[in-house]
Amino acid sequence: VDKILGLELGSDDYLVKPFSPRELVARIRRQLQRWYK
């Protein structure tokens, strides 16, 4: 429910703690590539 709420409010992605910083960086790169396009 929390994930869906975040996404419906406009978040592009949702990552649960604890998370891998490398995974976060990969997701950031993907979102910026999408935004760039």
PDB file of all heavy atoms in Angstrom:
ATOM      1  N   VAL A   1       0.837  -1.200   0.000  1.00  0.00           N
ATOM      2  CA  VAL A   1       0.000   0.000   0.000  1.00  0.00           C
ATOM      3  C   VAL A   1       0.871   1.250   0.000  1.00  0.00           C
ATOM      4  O   VAL A   1       0.595   2.227  -0.706  1.00  0.00           O
ATOM      5  CB  VAL A   1      -0.953   0.010   1.211  1.00  0.00           C
ATOM      6  CG1 VAL A   1      -1.703   1.338   1.302  1.00  0.00           C
ATOM      7  CG2 VAL A   1      -1.939  -1.146   1.112  1.00  0.00           C
ATOM      8  N   ASP A   2       1.962   1.239   0.790  1.00  0.00           N
ATOM      9  CA  ASP A   2       2.864   2.387   0.837  1.00  0.00           C
ATOM     10  C   ASP A   2       3.546   2.598  -0.510  1.00  0.00           C
ATOM     11  O   ASP A   2       3.717   3.735  -0.962  1.00  0.00           O
ATOM     12  CB  ASP A   2       3.918   2.181   1.927  1.00  0.00           C
ATOM     13  CG  ASP A   2       3.302   2.134   3.320  1.00  0.00           C
ATOM     14  OD1 ASP A   2       2.506   3.033   3.635  1.00  0.00           O
ATOM     15  OD2 ASP A   2       3.607   1.200   4.069  1.00  0.00           O
ATOM     16  N   LYS A   3       3.939   1.509  -1.155  1.00  0.00           N
ATOM     17  CA  LYS A   3       4.583   1.622  -2.470  1.00  0.00           C
ATOM     18  C   LYS A   3       3.617   2.208  -3.490  1.00  0.00           C
ATOM     19  O   LYS A   3       3.965   3.118  -4.245  1.00  0.00           O
ATOM     20  CB  LYS A   3       5.057   0.242  -2.943  1.00  0.00           C
ATOM     21  CG  LYS A   3       6.156  -0.368  -2.100  1.00  0.00           C
ATOM     22  CD  LYS A   3       6.538  -1.738  -2.640  1.00  0.00           C
ATOM     23  CE  LYS A   3       7.580  -2.413  -1.760  1.00  0.00           C
ATOM     24  NZ  LYS A   3       7.943  -3.760  -2.262  1.00  0.00           N
ATOM     25  N   ILE A   4       2.401   1.688  -3.498  1.00  0.00           N
ATOM     26  CA  ILE A   4       1.409   2.179  -4.460  1.00  0.00           C
ATOM     27  C   ILE A   4       1.096   3.649  -4.212  1.00  0.00           C
ATOM     28  O   ILE A   4       0.989   4.443  -5.162  1.00  0.00           O
ATOM     29  CB  ILE A   4       0.121   1.327  -4.379  1.00  0.00           C
ATOM     30  CG1 ILE A   4       0.409  -0.082  -4.911  1.00  0.00           C
ATOM     31  CG2 ILE A   4      -1.010   1.974  -5.173  1.00  0.00           C
ATOM     32  CD1 ILE A   4      -0.745  -1.043  -4.747  1.00  0.00           C
ATOM     33  N   LEU A   5       0.974   4.041  -2.942  1.00  0.00           N
ATOM     34  CA  LEU A   5       0.706   5.438  -2.622  1.00  0.00           C
ATOM     35  C   LEU A   5       1.820   6.326  -3.152  1.00  0.00           C
ATOM     36  O   LEU A   5       1.558   7.367  -3.769  1.00  0.00           O
ATOM     37  CB  LEU A   5       0.558   5.617  -1.107  1.00  0.00           C
ATOM     38  CG  LEU A   5       0.333   7.061  -0.629  1.00  0.00           C
ATOM     39  CD1 LEU A   5      -0.913   7.650  -1.269  1.00  0.00           C
ATOM     40  CD2 LEU A   5       0.244   7.107   0.890  1.00  0.00           C
ATOM     41  N   GLY A   6       3.071   5.922  -2.905  1.00  0.00           N
ATOM     42  CA  GLY A   6       4.195   6.707  -3.408  1.00  0.00           C
ATOM     43  C   GLY A   6       4.180   6.839  -4.907  1.00  0.00           C
ATOM     44  O   GLY A   6       4.386   7.931  -5.461  1.00  0.00           O
ATOM     45  N   LEU A   7       3.913   5.745  -5.617  1.00  0.00           N
ATOM     46  CA  LEU A   7       3.891   5.772  -7.075  1.00  0.00           C
ATOM     47  C   LEU A   7       2.721   6.590  -7.599  1.00  0.00           C
ATOM     48  O   LEU A   7       2.842   7.323  -8.588  1.00  0.00           O
ATOM     49  CB  LEU A   7       3.835   4.342  -7.618  1.00  0.00           C
ATOM     50  CG  LEU A   7       5.098   3.503  -7.372  1.00  0.00           C
ATOM     51  CD1 LEU A   7       4.827   2.038  -7.663  1.00  0.00           C
ATOM     52  CD2 LEU A   7       6.266   4.002  -8.222  1.00  0.00           C
ATOM     53  N   GLU A   8       1.574   6.494  -6.928  1.00  0.00           N
ATOM     54  CA  GLU A   8       0.412   7.249  -7.389  1.00  0.00           C
ATOM     55  C   GLU A   8       0.569   8.747  -7.145  1.00  0.00           C
ATOM     56  O   GLU A   8      -0.005   9.565  -7.874  1.00  0.00           O
ATOM     57  CB  GLU A   8      -0.859   6.728  -6.717  1.00  0.00           C
ATOM     58  CG  GLU A   8      -1.275   5.349  -7.219  1.00  0.00           C
ATOM     59  CD  GLU A   8      -2.604   4.893  -6.666  1.00  0.00           C
ATOM     60  OE1 GLU A   8      -3.117   5.548  -5.731  1.00  0.00           O
ATOM     61  OE2 GLU A   8      -3.128   3.886  -7.165  1.00  0.00           O
ATOM     62  N   LEU A   9       1.328   9.112  -6.134  1.00  0.00           N
ATOM     63  CA  LEU A   9       1.579  10.533  -5.880  1.00  0.00           C
ATOM     64  C   LEU A   9       2.578  11.113  -6.874  1.00  0.00           C
ATOM     65  O   LEU A   9       2.752  12.321  -6.941  1.00  0.00           O
ATOM     66  CB  LEU A   9       2.081  10.737  -4.448  1.00  0.00           C
ATOM     67  CG  LEU A   9       1.023  10.601  -3.355  1.00  0.00           C
ATOM     68  CD1 LEU A   9       1.672  10.639  -1.978  1.00  0.00           C
ATOM     69  CD2 LEU A   9      -0.021  11.707  -3.470  1.00  0.00           C
ATOM     70  N   GLY A  10       3.237  10.241  -7.636  1.00  0.00           N
ATOM     71  CA  GLY A  10       4.125  10.739  -8.682  1.00  0.00           C
ATOM     72  C   GLY A  10       5.549  10.261  -8.609  1.00  0.00           C
ATOM     73  O   GLY A  10       6.370  10.634  -9.447  1.00  0.00           O
ATOM     74  N   SER A  11       5.885   9.434  -7.620  1.00  0.00           N
ATOM     75  CA  SER A  11       7.230   8.883  -7.552  1.00  0.00           C
ATOM     76  C   SER A  11       7.483   7.997  -8.774  1.00  0.00           C
ATOM     77  O   SER A  11       6.601   7.281  -9.232  1.00  0.00           O
ATOM     78  CB  SER A  11       7.378   8.069  -6.270  1.00  0.00           C
ATOM     79  OG  SER A  11       8.502   7.243  -6.312  1.00  0.00           O
ATOM     80  N   ASP A  12       8.704   8.045  -9.310  1.00  0.00           N
ATOM     81  CA  ASP A  12       9.049   7.228 -10.474  1.00  0.00           C
ATOM     82  C   ASP A  12       9.546   5.844 -10.089  1.00  0.00           C
ATOM     83  O   ASP A  12       9.543   4.929 -10.911  1.00  0.00           O
ATOM     84  CB  ASP A  12      10.135   7.939 -11.306  1.00  0.00           C
ATOM     85  CG  ASP A  12       9.644   9.254 -11.873  1.00  0.00           C
ATOM     86  OD1 ASP A  12       8.898   9.216 -12.852  1.00  0.00           O
ATOM     87  OD2 ASP A  12       9.988  10.312 -11.318  1.00  0.00           O
ATOM     88  N   ASP A  13       9.990   5.691  -8.849  1.00  0.00           N
ATOM     89  CA  ASP A  13      10.510   4.408  -8.389  1.00  0.00           C
ATOM     90  C   ASP A  13      10.438   4.397  -6.867  1.00  0.00           C
ATOM     91  O   ASP A  13      10.292   5.445  -6.224  1.00  0.00           O
ATOM     92  CB  ASP A  13      11.947   4.211  -8.871  1.00  0.00           C
ATOM     93  CG  ASP A  13      12.355   2.746  -8.950  1.00  0.00           C
ATOM     94  OD1 ASP A  13      11.640   1.902  -8.385  1.00  0.00           O
ATOM     95  OD2 ASP A  13      13.398   2.456  -9.564  1.00  0.00           O
ATOM     96  N   TYR A  14      10.545   3.199  -6.280  1.00  0.00           N
ATOM     97  CA  TYR A  14      10.404   3.043  -4.830  1.00  0.00           C
ATOM     98  C   TYR A  14      11.362   1.940  -4.402  1.00  0.00           C
ATOM     99  O   TYR A  14      11.307   0.825  -4.924  1.00  0.00           O
ATOM    100  CB  TYR A  14       8.957   2.659  -4.505  1.00  0.00           C
ATOM    101  CG  TYR A  14       8.581   2.666  -3.041  1.00  0.00           C
ATOM    102  CD1 TYR A  14       7.757   3.662  -2.528  1.00  0.00           C
ATOM    103  CD2 TYR A  14       9.016   1.663  -2.173  1.00  0.00           C
ATOM    104  CE1 TYR A  14       7.373   3.658  -1.179  1.00  0.00           C
ATOM    105  CE2 TYR A  14       8.650   1.653  -0.841  1.00  0.00           C
ATOM    106  CZ  TYR A  14       7.825   2.656  -0.347  1.00  0.00           C
ATOM    107  OH  TYR A  14       7.453   2.652   0.966  1.00  0.00           O
ATOM    108  N   LEU A  15      12.252   2.259  -3.475  1.00  0.00           N
ATOM    109  CA  LEU A  15      13.265   1.311  -3.029  1.00  0.00           C
ATOM    110  C   LEU A  15      13.170   1.152  -1.510  1.00  0.00           C
ATOM    111  O   LEU A  15      13.114   2.145  -0.777  1.00  0.00           O
ATOM    112  CB  LEU A  15      14.657   1.811  -3.422  1.00  0.00           C
ATOM    113  CG  LEU A  15      15.809   0.814  -3.410  1.00  0.00           C
ATOM    114  CD1 LEU A  15      15.514  -0.367  -4.332  1.00  0.00           C
ATOM    115  CD2 LEU A  15      17.095   1.504  -3.844  1.00  0.00           C
ATOM    116  N   VAL A  16      13.120  -0.097  -1.043  1.00  0.00           N
ATOM    117  CA  VAL A  16      12.943  -0.377   0.381  1.00  0.00           C
ATOM    118  C   VAL A  16      14.293  -0.492   1.080  1.00  0.00           C
ATOM    119  O   VAL A  16      15.223  -1.131   0.576  1.00  0.00           O
ATOM    120  CB  VAL A  16      12.139  -1.689   0.563  1.00  0.00           C
ATOM    121  CG1 VAL A  16      12.010  -2.034   2.046  1.00  0.00           C
ATOM    122  CG2 VAL A  16      10.758  -1.562  -0.075  1.00  0.00           C
ATOM    123  N   LYS A  17      14.402   0.146   2.252  1.00  0.00           N
ATOM    124  CA  LYS A  17      15.596   0.017   3.090  1.00  0.00           C
ATOM    125  C   LYS A  17      15.571  -1.314   3.834  1.00  0.00           C
ATOM    126  O   LYS A  17      14.485  -1.767   4.216  1.00  0.00           O
ATOM    127  CB  LYS A  17      15.647   1.150   4.120  1.00  0.00           C
ATOM    128  CG  LYS A  17      15.744   2.552   3.562  1.00  0.00           C
ATOM    129  CD  LYS A  17      15.726   3.563   4.711  1.00  0.00           C
ATOM    130  CE  LYS A  17      15.768   4.995   4.232  1.00  0.00           C
ATOM    131  NZ  LYS A  17      15.725   5.958   5.341  1.00  0.00           N
ATOM    132  N   PRO A  18      16.709  -1.933   4.080  1.00  0.00           N
ATOM    133  CA  PRO A  18      18.026  -1.542   3.586  1.00  0.00           C
ATOM    134  C   PRO A  18      18.183  -1.923   2.114  1.00  0.00           C
ATOM    135  O   PRO A  18      17.627  -2.923   1.666  1.00  0.00           O
ATOM    136  CB  PRO A  18      18.984  -2.371   4.459  1.00  0.00           C
ATOM    137  CG  PRO A  18      18.187  -3.585   4.827  1.00  0.00           C
ATOM    138  CD  PRO A  18      16.757  -3.126   4.947  1.00  0.00           C
ATOM    139  N   PHE A  19      18.911  -1.112   1.372  1.00  0.00           N
ATOM    140  CA  PHE A  19      19.080  -1.360  -0.049  1.00  0.00           C
ATOM    141  C   PHE A  19      20.561  -1.301  -0.410  1.00  0.00           C
ATOM    142  O   PHE A  19      21.385  -0.766   0.337  1.00  0.00           O
ATOM    143  CB  PHE A  19      18.307  -0.328  -0.882  1.00  0.00           C
ATOM    144  CG  PHE A  19      18.650   1.103  -0.535  1.00  0.00           C
ATOM    145  CD1 PHE A  19      19.774   1.724  -1.055  1.00  0.00           C
ATOM    146  CD2 PHE A  19      17.831   1.824   0.325  1.00  0.00           C
ATOM    147  CE1 PHE A  19      20.084   3.035  -0.725  1.00  0.00           C
ATOM    148  CE2 PHE A  19      18.128   3.142   0.661  1.00  0.00           C
ATOM    149  CZ  PHE A  19      19.267   3.751   0.132  1.00  0.00           C
ATOM    150  N   SER A  20      20.871  -1.843  -1.556  1.00  0.00           N
ATOM    151  CA  SER A  20      22.234  -1.771  -2.070  1.00  0.00           C
ATOM    152  C   SER A  20      22.462  -0.407  -2.717  1.00  0.00           C
ATOM    153  O   SER A  20      21.701  -0.018  -3.609  1.00  0.00           O
ATOM    154  CB  SER A  20      22.461  -2.874  -3.102  1.00  0.00           C
ATOM    155  OG  SER A  20      23.606  -2.579  -3.881  1.00  0.00           O
ATOM    156  N   PRO A  21      23.463   0.351  -2.271  1.00  0.00           N
ATOM    157  CA  PRO A  21      23.736   1.644  -2.917  1.00  0.00           C
ATOM    158  C   PRO A  21      23.983   1.497  -4.418  1.00  0.00           C
ATOM    159  O   PRO A  21      23.614   2.371  -5.200  1.00  0.00           O
ATOM    160  CB  PRO A  21      24.994   2.133  -2.195  1.00  0.00           C
ATOM    161  CG  PRO A  21      24.946   1.465  -0.862  1.00  0.00           C
ATOM    162  CD  PRO A  21      24.358   0.119  -1.120  1.00  0.00           C
ATOM    163  N   ARG A  22      24.589   0.378  -4.822  1.00  0.00           N
ATOM    164  CA  ARG A  22      24.828   0.160  -6.255  1.00  0.00           C
ATOM    165  C   ARG A  22      23.512   0.010  -7.020  1.00  0.00           C
ATOM    166  O   ARG A  22      23.381   0.477  -8.149  1.00  0.00           O
ATOM    167  CB  ARG A  22      25.709  -1.074  -6.463  1.00  0.00           C
ATOM    168  CG  ARG A  22      27.152  -0.890  -6.017  1.00  0.00           C
ATOM    169  CD  ARG A  22      28.007  -2.093  -6.395  1.00  0.00           C
ATOM    170  NE  ARG A  22      29.401  -1.894  -6.043  1.00  0.00           N
ATOM    171  CZ  ARG A  22      29.919  -2.178  -4.860  1.00  0.00           C
ATOM    172  NH1 ARG A  22      29.145  -2.700  -3.915  1.00  0.00           N
ATOM    173  NH2 ARG A  22      31.196  -1.969  -4.606  1.00  0.00           N
ATOM    174  N   GLU A  23      22.540  -0.666  -6.379  1.00  0.00           N
ATOM    175  CA  GLU A  23      21.227  -0.786  -7.024  1.00  0.00           C
ATOM    176  C   GLU A  23      20.561   0.577  -7.151  1.00  0.00           C
ATOM    177  O   GLU A  23      19.954   0.898  -8.175  1.00  0.00           O
ATOM    178  CB  GLU A  23      20.323  -1.727  -6.226  1.00  0.00           C
ATOM    179  CG  GLU A  23      18.934  -1.890  -6.866  1.00  0.00           C
ATOM    180  CD  GLU A  23      17.993  -2.768  -6.065  1.00  0.00           C
ATOM    181  OE1 GLU A  23      18.427  -3.320  -5.030  1.00  0.00           O
ATOM    182  OE2 GLU A  23      16.824  -2.900  -6.482  1.00  0.00           O
ATOM    183  N   LEU A  24      20.670   1.394  -6.104  1.00  0.00           N
ATOM    184  CA  LEU A  24      20.093   2.730  -6.163  1.00  0.00           C
ATOM    185  C   LEU A  24      20.729   3.535  -7.290  1.00  0.00           C
ATOM    186  O   LEU A  24      20.032   4.206  -8.062  1.00  0.00           O
ATOM    187  CB  LEU A  24      20.281   3.458  -4.831  1.00  0.00           C
ATOM    188  CG  LEU A  24      19.803   4.918  -4.803  1.00  0.00           C
ATOM    189  CD1 LEU A  24      18.315   5.017  -5.117  1.00  0.00           C
ATOM    190  CD2 LEU A  24      20.112   5.548  -3.452  1.00  0.00           C
ATOM    191  N   VAL A  25      22.052   3.478  -7.416  1.00  0.00           N
ATOM    192  CA  VAL A  25      22.746   4.206  -8.483  1.00  0.00           C
ATOM    193  C   VAL A  25      22.255   3.726  -9.849  1.00  0.00           C
ATOM    194  O   VAL A  25      22.033   4.526 -10.764  1.00  0.00           O
ATOM    195  CB  VAL A  25      24.270   4.047  -8.360  1.00  0.00           C
ATOM    196  CG1 VAL A  25      24.976   4.608  -9.602  1.00  0.00           C
ATOM    197  CG2 VAL A  25      24.780   4.758  -7.111  1.00  0.00           C
ATOM    198  N   ALA A  26      22.063   2.407 -10.006  1.00  0.00           N
ATOM    199  CA  ALA A  26      21.583   1.859 -11.273  1.00  0.00           C
ATOM    200  C   ALA A  26      20.183   2.374 -11.587  1.00  0.00           C
ATOM    201  O   ALA A  26      19.862   2.712 -12.735  1.00  0.00           O
ATOM    202  CB  ALA A  26      21.595   0.335 -11.228  1.00  0.00           C
ATOM    203  N   ARG A  27      19.331   2.446 -10.567  1.00  0.00           N
ATOM    204  CA  ARG A  27      17.967   2.931 -10.777  1.00  0.00           C
ATOM    205  C   ARG A  27      17.971   4.420 -11.104  1.00  0.00           C
ATOM    206  O   ARG A  27      17.173   4.890 -11.915  1.00  0.00           O
ATOM    207  CB  ARG A  27      17.113   2.653  -9.541  1.00  0.00           C
ATOM    208  CG  ARG A  27      16.855   1.173  -9.304  1.00  0.00           C
ATOM    209  CD  ARG A  27      15.841   0.971  -8.208  1.00  0.00           C
ATOM    210  NE  ARG A  27      15.626  -0.439  -7.918  1.00  0.00           N
ATOM    211  CZ  ARG A  27      14.473  -0.949  -7.527  1.00  0.00           C
ATOM    212  NH1 ARG A  27      13.418  -0.161  -7.377  1.00  0.00           N
ATOM    213  NH2 ARG A  27      14.344  -2.233  -7.270  1.00  0.00           N
ATOM    214  N   ILE A  28      18.855   5.165 -10.459  1.00  0.00           N
ATOM    215  CA  ILE A  28      18.985   6.589 -10.762  1.00  0.00           C
ATOM    216  C   ILE A  28      19.416   6.781 -12.209  1.00  0.00           C
ATOM    217  O   ILE A  28      18.862   7.617 -12.937  1.00  0.00           O
ATOM    218  CB  ILE A  28      19.995   7.246  -9.799  1.00  0.00           C
ATOM    219  CG1 ILE A  28      19.364   7.395  -8.409  1.00  0.00           C
ATOM    220  CG2 ILE A  28      20.464   8.601 -10.325  1.00  0.00           C
ATOM    221  CD1 ILE A  28      20.343   7.810  -7.329  1.00  0.00           C
ATOM    222  N   ARG A  29      20.385   6.005 -12.629  1.00  0.00           N
ATOM    223  CA  ARG A  29      20.856   6.102 -14.019  1.00  0.00           C
ATOM    224  C   ARG A  29      19.725   5.805 -14.996  1.00  0.00           C
ATOM    225  O   ARG A  29      19.552   6.500 -16.004  1.00  0.00           O
ATOM    226  CB  ARG A  29      22.023   5.150 -14.240  1.00  0.00           C
ATOM    227  CG  ARG A  29      22.658   5.270 -15.626  1.00  0.00           C
ATOM    228  CD  ARG A  29      23.797   4.293 -15.803  1.00  0.00           C
ATOM    229  NE  ARG A  29      24.875   4.548 -14.836  1.00  0.00           N
ATOM    230  CZ  ARG A  29      25.206   3.707 -13.859  1.00  0.00           C
ATOM    231  NH1 ARG A  29      24.551   2.557 -13.711  1.00  0.00           N
ATOM    232  NH2 ARG A  29      26.183   3.997 -13.042  1.00  0.00           N
ATOM    233  N   ARG A  30      18.918   4.781 -14.680  1.00  0.00           N
ATOM    234  CA  ARG A  30      17.808   4.416 -15.565  1.00  0.00           C
ATOM    235  C   ARG A  30      16.775   5.532 -15.644  1.00  0.00           C
ATOM    236  O   ARG A  30      16.279   5.873 -16.726  1.00  0.00           O
ATOM    237  CB  ARG A  30      17.145   3.134 -15.065  1.00  0.00           C
ATOM    238  CG  ARG A  30      16.024   2.640 -15.980  1.00  0.00           C
ATOM    239  CD  ARG A  30      15.380   1.380 -15.446  1.00  0.00           C
ATOM    240  NE  ARG A  30      14.640   1.644 -14.213  1.00  0.00           N
ATOM    241  CZ  ARG A  30      13.988   0.709 -13.526  1.00  0.00           C
ATOM    242  NH1 ARG A  30      14.014  -0.547 -13.938  1.00  0.00           N
ATOM    243  NH2 ARG A  30      13.332   1.017 -12.430  1.00  0.00           N
ATOM    244  N   GLN A  31      16.447   6.139 -14.493  1.00  0.00           N
ATOM    245  CA  GLN A  31      15.463   7.214 -14.489  1.00  0.00           C
ATOM    246  C   GLN A  31      15.969   8.442 -15.251  1.00  0.00           C
ATOM    247  O   GLN A  31      15.204   9.090 -15.973  1.00  0.00           O
ATOM    248  CB  GLN A  31      15.101   7.600 -13.052  1.00  0.00           C
ATOM    249  CG  GLN A  31      14.329   6.547 -12.295  1.00  0.00           C
ATOM    250  CD  GLN A  31      12.999   6.202 -12.933  1.00  0.00           C
ATOM    251  OE1 GLN A  31      12.382   7.041 -13.595  1.00  0.00           O
ATOM    252  NE2 GLN A  31      12.550   4.975 -12.757  1.00  0.00           N
ATOM    253  N   LEU A  32      17.238   8.761 -15.107  1.00  0.00           N
ATOM    254  CA  LEU A  32      17.792   9.902 -15.825  1.00  0.00           C
ATOM    255  C   LEU A  32      17.838   9.644 -17.325  1.00  0.00           C
ATOM    256  O   LEU A  32      17.611  10.559 -18.126  1.00  0.00           O
ATOM    257  CB  LEU A  32      19.192  10.236 -15.292  1.00  0.00           C
ATOM    258  CG  LEU A  32      19.208  10.892 -13.908  1.00  0.00           C
ATOM    259  CD1 LEU A  32      20.636  10.993 -13.387  1.00  0.00           C
ATOM    260  CD2 LEU A  32      18.554  12.279 -13.951  1.00  0.00           C
ATOM    261  N   GLN A  33      18.110   8.413 -17.730  1.00  0.00           N
ATOM    262  CA  GLN A  33      18.094   8.077 -19.148  1.00  0.00           C
ATOM    263  C   GLN A  33      16.689   8.229 -19.717  1.00  0.00           C
ATOM    264  O   GLN A  33      16.502   8.751 -20.814  1.00  0.00           O
ATOM    265  CB  GLN A  33      18.601   6.647 -19.357  1.00  0.00           C
ATOM    266  CG  GLN A  33      20.099   6.490 -19.174  1.00  0.00           C
ATOM    267  CD  GLN A  33      20.550   5.043 -19.182  1.00  0.00           C
ATOM    268  OE1 GLN A  33      19.751   4.122 -18.979  1.00  0.00           O
ATOM    269  NE2 GLN A  33      21.834   4.824 -19.394  1.00  0.00           N
ATOM    270  N   ARG A  34      15.694   7.784 -18.942  1.00  0.00           N
ATOM    271  CA  ARG A  34      14.303   7.927 -19.378  1.00  0.00           C
ATOM    272  C   ARG A  34      13.928   9.404 -19.471  1.00  0.00           C
ATOM    273  O   ARG A  34      13.297   9.837 -20.437  1.00  0.00           O
ATOM    274  CB  ARG A  34      13.383   7.211 -18.399  1.00  0.00           C
ATOM    275  CG  ARG A  34      11.907   7.375 -18.736  1.00  0.00           C
ATOM    276  CD  ARG A  34      11.047   6.742 -17.666  1.00  0.00           C
ATOM    277  NE  ARG A  34      11.206   5.303 -17.652  1.00  0.00           N
ATOM    278  CZ  ARG A  34      11.075   4.542 -16.582  1.00  0.00           C
ATOM    279  NH1 ARG A  34      10.837   5.100 -15.418  1.00  0.00           N
ATOM    280  NH2 ARG A  34      11.195   3.237 -16.655  1.00  0.00           N
ATOM    281  N   TRP A  35      14.324  10.170 -18.470  1.00  0.00           N
ATOM    282  CA  TRP A  35      14.030  11.604 -18.456  1.00  0.00           C
ATOM    283  C   TRP A  35      14.721  12.310 -19.608  1.00  0.00           C
ATOM    284  O   TRP A  35      14.148  13.165 -20.271  1.00  0.00           O
ATOM    285  CB  TRP A  35      14.474  12.201 -17.134  1.00  0.00           C
ATOM    286  CG  TRP A  35      14.369  13.687 -17.068  1.00  0.00           C
ATOM    287  CD1 TRP A  35      15.379  14.591 -17.095  1.00  0.00           C
ATOM    288  CD2 TRP A  35      13.167  14.455 -16.966  1.00  0.00           C
ATOM    289  NE1 TRP A  35      14.897  15.864 -17.024  1.00  0.00           N
ATOM    290  CE2 TRP A  35      13.545  15.805 -16.940  1.00  0.00           C
ATOM    291  CE3 TRP A  35      11.821  14.111 -16.899  1.00  0.00           C
ATOM    292  CZ2 TRP A  35      12.612  16.822 -16.854  1.00  0.00           C
ATOM    293  CZ3 TRP A  35      10.901  15.135 -16.810  1.00  0.00           C
ATOM    294  CH2 TRP A  35      11.297  16.466 -16.789  1.00  0.00           C
ATOM    295  N   TYR A  36      15.972  11.945 -19.903  1.00  0.00           N
ATOM    296  CA  TYR A  36      16.755  12.524 -20.988  1.00  0.00           C
ATOM    297  C   TYR A  36      16.044  12.303 -22.320  1.00  0.00           C
ATOM    298  O   TYR A  36      15.947  13.197 -23.150  1.00  0.00           O
ATOM    299  CB  TYR A  36      18.135  11.855 -20.992  1.00  0.00           C
ATOM    300  CG  TYR A  36      19.137  12.406 -21.971  1.00  0.00           C
ATOM    301  CD1 TYR A  36      19.727  13.647 -21.778  1.00  0.00           C
ATOM    302  CD2 TYR A  36      19.538  11.641 -23.073  1.00  0.00           C
ATOM    303  CE1 TYR A  36      20.680  14.122 -22.653  1.00  0.00           C
ATOM    304  CE2 TYR A  36      20.491  12.111 -23.953  1.00  0.00           C
ATOM    305  CZ  TYR A  36      21.060  13.359 -23.737  1.00  0.00           C
ATOM    306  OH  TYR A  36      22.004  13.821 -24.616  1.00  0.00           O
ATOM    307  N   LYS A  37      15.498  11.108 -22.484  1.00  0.00           N
ATOM    308  CA  LYS A  37      14.768  10.781 -23.713  1.00  0.00           C
ATOM    309  C   LYS A  37      13.442  11.522 -23.762  1.00  0.00           C
ATOM    310  O   LYS A  37      13.056  12.092 -24.785  1.00  0.00           O
ATOM    311  CB  LYS A  37      14.529   9.277 -23.784  1.00  0.00           C
ATOM    312  CG  LYS A  37      13.766   8.829 -25.026  1.00  0.00           C
ATOM    313  CD  LYS A  37      13.604   7.325 -25.025  1.00  0.00           C
ATOM    314  CE  LYS A  37      12.827   6.849 -26.253  1.00  0.00           C
ATOM    315  NZ  LYS A  37      12.660   5.381 -26.261  1.00  0.00           N
TER     316      LYS A  37
END
